[in-house]
């Protein structure tokens, strides 16, 4: 279910795409990139922003093709990174970042490309530590595109939930019974293949991650599936000098207060520098 929430401004990316940006709160600037279905007005992102805005200037953006942002074709990972760079350039002073799920995967790409982000917290990017990082397998992303092109949006959503996020089919079926939520998931079915490509076919992007030159914390919850914790550990191993943390009692969608505490201690009001 989506909630009406005013947009503060727009930013124009390098290729002319107009991106919807929102800001909330005061303090050090924190860019937040959420998961596949997180954009303005979605409950999970709103809850996170509402927690963080009491001590940060929280900046969020609807990624291209989602929410109120535009979409210029052809899509590419490089253009998504340019979008992040345009948002960062639109604010004064140092910018820290928090990425969750696919948003964490996009942050990995942006950090490796040299987007000027000072520090970053990455929560459970849904890689698979067991996937060959050199395979560059895009077959699954192509299949999602084919589902959407053929009008099978529900099949694309089911496949993404099951194969990327690891939801059991029983949980996916339960989501379908929540008609408002399911309609929202279907609305963004056309961008799910892009997220698989951002995640590099789900392989931990060791070569990309090795190019990151800023402090990074990669965190996961001990209530998340084993493969998510393994992926977080593998990513932390690939990022030079990064820290890795397993947080007690948290799953893939953690308590916003827990994420706020991680940011405070590593990349925010409680961090040195």
Protein backbone atom coordinates (compact mmCIF):
# COMPACT_ATOMS: atom_id res chain seq x y z
CA UNK A 1 0.00 0.00 0.00
CA UNK A 2 1.35 3.44 -0.92
CA UNK A 3 0.99 6.56 1.19
CA UNK A 4 0.80 10.05 -0.28
CA UNK A 5 3.97 11.97 0.57
CA UNK A 6 5.06 15.24 -1.02
CA UNK A 7 8.19 15.35 -3.14
CA UNK A 8 10.60 18.13 -2.26
CA UNK A 9 12.46 18.61 -5.51
CA UNK A 10 13.81 17.03 -8.65
CA UNK A 11 17.32 16.35 -9.89
CA UNK A 12 18.25 15.94 -13.54
CA UNK A 13 20.64 13.10 -14.24
CA UNK A 14 23.38 13.20 -16.86
CA UNK A 15 21.16 11.75 -19.60
CA UNK A 16 18.29 14.16 -18.85
CA UNK A 17 16.21 11.81 -16.71
CA UNK A 18 14.24 13.73 -14.07
CA UNK A 19 14.58 12.09 -10.66
CA UNK A 20 12.18 12.68 -7.77
CA UNK A 21 14.06 13.51 -4.57
CA UNK A 22 12.79 14.01 -1.05
CA UNK A 23 14.53 15.38 2.03
CA UNK A 24 13.55 15.16 5.68
CA UNK A 25 15.19 16.25 8.92
CA UNK A 26 18.34 18.18 9.76
CA UNK A 27 21.90 17.14 10.57
CA UNK A 28 24.60 15.29 8.63
CA UNK A 29 23.43 14.32 5.14
CA UNK A 30 22.50 10.66 4.72
CA UNK A 31 21.51 9.25 1.34
CA UNK A 32 19.20 6.24 1.72
CA UNK A 33 18.75 3.72 -1.10
CA UNK A 34 16.15 1.06 -0.35
CA UNK A 35 15.07 -2.23 -1.83
CA UNK A 36 13.38 -3.13 -5.09
CA UNK A 37 9.98 -1.71 -4.12
CA UNK A 38 11.12 1.15 -1.89
CA UNK A 39 10.34 4.65 -3.11
CA UNK A 40 8.37 7.66 -1.96
CA UNK A 41 5.28 6.66 -0.04
CA UNK A 42 6.13 3.01 0.55
CA UNK A 43 5.72 2.03 4.22
CA UNK A 44 9.13 0.46 4.82
CA UNK A 45 11.03 3.45 3.45
CA UNK A 46 8.77 5.93 5.25
CA UNK A 47 9.33 4.15 8.56
CA UNK A 48 13.09 4.24 8.07
CA UNK A 49 13.09 7.93 7.11
CA UNK A 50 10.87 8.80 10.07
CA UNK A 51 13.40 7.18 12.40
CA UNK A 52 16.49 8.73 10.82
CA UNK A 53 15.20 12.27 10.27
CA UNK A 54 15.49 13.18 13.93
CA UNK A 55 19.28 13.38 13.62
CA UNK A 56 20.04 13.35 9.88
CA UNK A 57 19.19 15.23 6.76
CA UNK A 58 17.78 12.17 5.02
CA UNK A 59 17.82 12.25 1.23
CA UNK A 60 15.87 9.64 -0.74
CA UNK A 61 15.32 9.25 -4.45
CA UNK A 62 12.91 7.32 -6.60
CA UNK A 63 15.21 5.31 -8.84
CA UNK A 64 14.58 5.76 -12.57
CA UNK A 65 11.45 4.00 -13.77
CA UNK A 66 9.95 3.93 -10.26
CA UNK A 67 7.58 6.14 -8.32
CA UNK A 68 7.60 9.73 -9.55
CA UNK A 69 10.92 9.59 -11.43
CA UNK A 70 11.30 9.51 -15.17
CA UNK A 71 12.83 6.75 -17.25
CA UNK A 72 15.14 7.18 -20.22
CA UNK A 73 15.91 4.16 -22.37
CA UNK A 74 18.05 2.25 -22.88
CA UNK A 75 18.61 1.44 -19.23
CA UNK A 76 22.11 0.63 -17.98
CA UNK A 77 23.90 0.18 -14.68
CA UNK A 78 26.09 3.13 -15.60
CA UNK A 79 23.05 5.40 -15.86
CA UNK A 80 21.81 4.26 -12.44
CA UNK A 81 25.24 5.17 -11.02
CA UNK A 82 25.02 8.55 -12.76
CA UNK A 83 21.66 9.05 -11.03
CA UNK A 84 23.26 8.47 -7.62
CA UNK A 85 26.06 10.87 -8.54
CA UNK A 86 23.55 13.55 -9.58
CA UNK A 87 21.68 13.27 -6.28
CA UNK A 88 24.91 13.42 -4.26
CA UNK A 89 26.07 16.47 -6.25
CA UNK A 90 22.77 18.23 -5.51
CA UNK A 91 23.51 18.58 -1.79
CA UNK A 92 26.24 20.56 -0.06
CA UNK A 93 28.83 19.07 2.23
CA UNK A 94 29.84 15.46 2.87
CA UNK A 95 27.34 12.70 2.17
CA UNK A 96 27.17 9.35 3.93
CA UNK A 97 24.93 6.56 2.67
CA UNK A 98 22.79 3.67 3.79
CA UNK A 99 21.75 0.98 1.33
CA UNK A 100 19.39 -1.90 2.05
CA UNK A 101 18.78 -4.97 -0.12
CA UNK A 102 19.12 -4.01 -3.80
CA UNK A 103 19.90 -0.44 -2.75
CA UNK A 104 23.03 -1.79 -1.09
CA UNK A 105 23.99 -3.43 -4.38
CA UNK A 106 23.56 -0.13 -6.22
CA UNK A 107 25.69 1.60 -3.59
CA UNK A 108 28.46 -0.93 -4.20
CA UNK A 109 28.44 0.08 -7.87
CA UNK A 110 28.36 3.79 -7.04
CA UNK A 111 31.18 3.58 -4.51
CA UNK A 112 33.35 1.59 -6.91
CA UNK A 113 32.72 4.19 -9.62
CA UNK A 114 34.00 6.94 -7.33
CA UNK A 115 30.74 8.71 -6.50
CA UNK A 116 31.83 11.02 -3.63
CA UNK A 117 30.21 9.28 -0.68
CA UNK A 118 32.24 9.50 2.52
CA UNK A 119 31.14 6.30 4.29
CA UNK A 120 28.48 3.67 3.68
CA UNK A 121 26.45 1.10 5.57
CA UNK A 122 25.25 -1.84 3.45
CA UNK A 123 22.47 -4.05 4.80
CA UNK A 124 22.06 -7.49 3.24
CA UNK A 125 22.50 -7.02 -0.51
CA UNK A 126 20.91 -10.25 -1.81
CA UNK A 127 23.94 -11.76 -3.52
CA UNK A 128 24.71 -15.46 -3.48
CA UNK A 129 28.17 -16.25 -2.15
CA UNK A 130 28.02 -19.57 -3.99
CA UNK A 131 27.45 -18.02 -7.44
CA UNK A 132 30.50 -17.81 -9.72
CA UNK A 133 31.47 -14.10 -9.77
CA UNK A 134 33.00 -14.56 -13.22
CA UNK A 135 29.97 -16.14 -14.85
CA UNK A 136 28.12 -12.84 -15.59
CA UNK A 137 24.89 -14.79 -15.91
CA UNK A 138 22.05 -12.54 -17.12
CA UNK A 139 19.69 -15.34 -18.18
CA UNK A 140 17.40 -14.82 -15.18
CA UNK A 141 17.19 -11.08 -15.84
CA UNK A 142 16.32 -11.79 -19.46
CA UNK A 143 13.57 -14.17 -18.33
CA UNK A 144 12.05 -11.47 -16.11
CA UNK A 145 12.04 -9.05 -19.03
CA UNK A 146 10.31 -11.67 -21.18
CA UNK A 147 7.61 -12.20 -18.55
CA UNK A 148 6.85 -8.48 -18.41
CA UNK A 149 6.90 -8.08 -22.20
CA UNK A 150 4.38 -10.92 -22.48
CA UNK A 151 2.10 -9.39 -19.86
CA UNK A 152 3.06 -11.92 -17.17
CA UNK A 153 3.88 -9.33 -14.50
CA UNK A 154 2.71 -11.59 -11.69
CA UNK A 155 5.08 -14.33 -12.85
CA UNK A 156 7.98 -11.86 -12.90
CA UNK A 157 7.19 -10.75 -9.34
CA UNK A 158 6.88 -14.33 -8.10
CA UNK A 159 10.18 -15.28 -9.70
CA UNK A 160 11.99 -12.28 -8.21
CA UNK A 161 10.59 -12.85 -4.74
CA UNK A 162 11.53 -16.50 -4.84
CA UNK A 163 14.89 -16.50 -6.59
CA UNK A 164 16.35 -13.13 -5.53
CA UNK A 165 14.87 -12.61 -2.05
CA UNK A 166 14.50 -16.30 -1.25
CA UNK A 167 10.87 -16.14 -0.14
CA UNK A 168 9.17 -19.56 0.11
CA UNK A 169 6.27 -19.94 -2.29
CA UNK A 170 3.87 -20.10 0.64
CA UNK A 171 4.91 -16.60 1.65
CA UNK A 172 4.54 -15.38 -1.92
CA UNK A 173 1.03 -16.82 -2.04
CA UNK A 174 0.19 -15.01 1.20
CA UNK A 175 1.33 -11.74 -0.36
CA UNK A 176 -1.05 -12.28 -3.27
CA UNK A 177 -3.94 -12.39 -0.80
CA UNK A 178 -3.12 -8.82 0.26
CA UNK A 179 -4.59 -7.19 -2.82
CA UNK A 180 -3.31 -3.65 -2.26
CA UNK A 181 0.23 -4.78 -1.57
CA UNK A 182 0.22 -7.20 -4.50
CA UNK A 183 -0.94 -4.46 -6.89
CA UNK A 184 1.96 -2.32 -5.69
CA UNK A 185 4.40 -5.15 -6.38
CA UNK A 186 3.00 -5.62 -9.88
CA UNK A 187 3.38 -1.90 -10.62
CA UNK A 188 7.17 -2.17 -10.42
CA UNK A 189 7.52 -5.54 -12.15
CA UNK A 190 9.15 -3.90 -15.19
CA UNK A 191 12.24 -2.81 -13.22
CA UNK A 192 12.98 -6.09 -11.44
CA UNK A 193 15.25 -7.38 -14.22
CA UNK A 194 17.29 -4.21 -13.83
CA UNK A 195 17.85 -5.02 -10.17
CA UNK A 196 19.14 -8.48 -11.06
CA UNK A 197 21.61 -6.80 -13.41
CA UNK A 198 22.61 -4.28 -10.73
CA UNK A 199 23.34 -7.32 -8.56
CA UNK A 200 25.50 -8.79 -11.32
CA UNK A 201 23.39 -11.89 -11.83
CA UNK A 202 23.41 -12.36 -8.00
CA UNK A 203 27.14 -13.12 -7.78
CA UNK A 204 29.17 -11.26 -5.17
CA UNK A 205 30.91 -8.58 -7.31
CA UNK A 206 34.43 -9.19 -6.05
CA UNK A 207 36.21 -7.25 -8.78
CA UNK A 208 33.86 -4.26 -8.47
CA UNK A 209 33.98 -4.32 -4.67
CA UNK A 210 37.78 -4.37 -4.67
CA UNK A 211 37.73 -0.88 -6.24
CA UNK A 212 35.93 0.71 -3.28
CA UNK A 213 38.18 3.11 -1.43
CA UNK A 214 36.00 4.49 1.39
CA UNK A 215 34.99 3.02 4.77
CA UNK A 216 32.18 0.48 4.46
CA UNK A 217 30.23 -1.56 6.98
CA UNK A 218 28.45 -4.65 5.64
CA UNK A 219 25.83 -5.94 8.05
CA UNK A 220 23.31 -8.77 8.21
CA UNK A 221 20.86 -10.12 10.75
CA UNK A 222 21.22 -13.42 12.55
CA UNK A 223 17.52 -14.11 11.87
CA UNK A 224 18.07 -13.86 8.11
CA UNK A 225 18.67 -16.95 5.96
CA UNK A 226 22.16 -18.45 6.05
CA UNK A 227 22.81 -17.47 2.44
CA UNK A 228 22.19 -13.78 3.17
CA UNK A 229 24.68 -13.80 6.03
CA UNK A 230 27.18 -15.65 3.83
CA UNK A 231 26.75 -13.09 1.08
CA UNK A 232 27.32 -10.20 3.48
CA UNK A 233 30.49 -11.84 4.79
CA UNK A 234 31.75 -12.48 1.26
CA UNK A 235 31.10 -8.89 0.22
CA UNK A 236 32.89 -7.56 3.30
CA UNK A 237 35.83 -9.79 2.44
CA UNK A 238 35.93 -8.29 -1.06
CA UNK A 239 35.81 -4.61 -0.01
CA UNK A 240 39.27 -3.47 1.14
CA UNK A 241 39.32 -2.50 4.81
CA UNK A 242 35.60 -2.97 5.33
CA UNK A 243 33.91 -4.06 8.53
CA UNK A 244 31.44 -6.92 8.87
CA UNK A 245 28.75 -7.24 11.52
CA UNK A 246 25.99 -9.76 12.30
CA UNK A 247 23.18 -8.12 14.27
CA UNK A 248 21.25 -10.13 16.82
CA UNK A 249 17.51 -10.57 16.40
CA UNK A 250 17.17 -8.95 12.97
CA UNK A 251 16.01 -10.29 9.62
CA UNK A 252 16.11 -8.97 6.07
CA UNK A 253 13.73 -6.12 6.94
CA UNK A 254 15.28 -4.90 10.19
CA UNK A 255 13.89 -2.59 12.84
CA UNK A 256 14.54 0.97 11.59
CA UNK A 257 15.99 1.84 15.00
CA UNK A 258 18.63 -0.87 14.51
CA UNK A 259 19.67 0.58 11.15
CA UNK A 260 19.76 4.05 12.69
CA UNK A 261 22.07 2.77 15.42
CA UNK A 262 24.42 1.24 12.83
CA UNK A 263 24.56 4.53 10.95
CA UNK A 264 25.13 6.46 14.18
CA UNK A 265 28.08 4.31 15.18
CA UNK A 266 29.73 3.87 11.80
CA UNK A 267 28.83 6.66 9.42
CA UNK A 268 26.92 9.32 11.31
CA UNK A 269 26.54 11.34 14.47
CA UNK A 270 28.53 8.89 16.57
CA UNK A 271 31.31 8.24 14.04
CA UNK A 272 34.72 9.82 14.18
CA UNK A 273 35.78 12.17 11.40
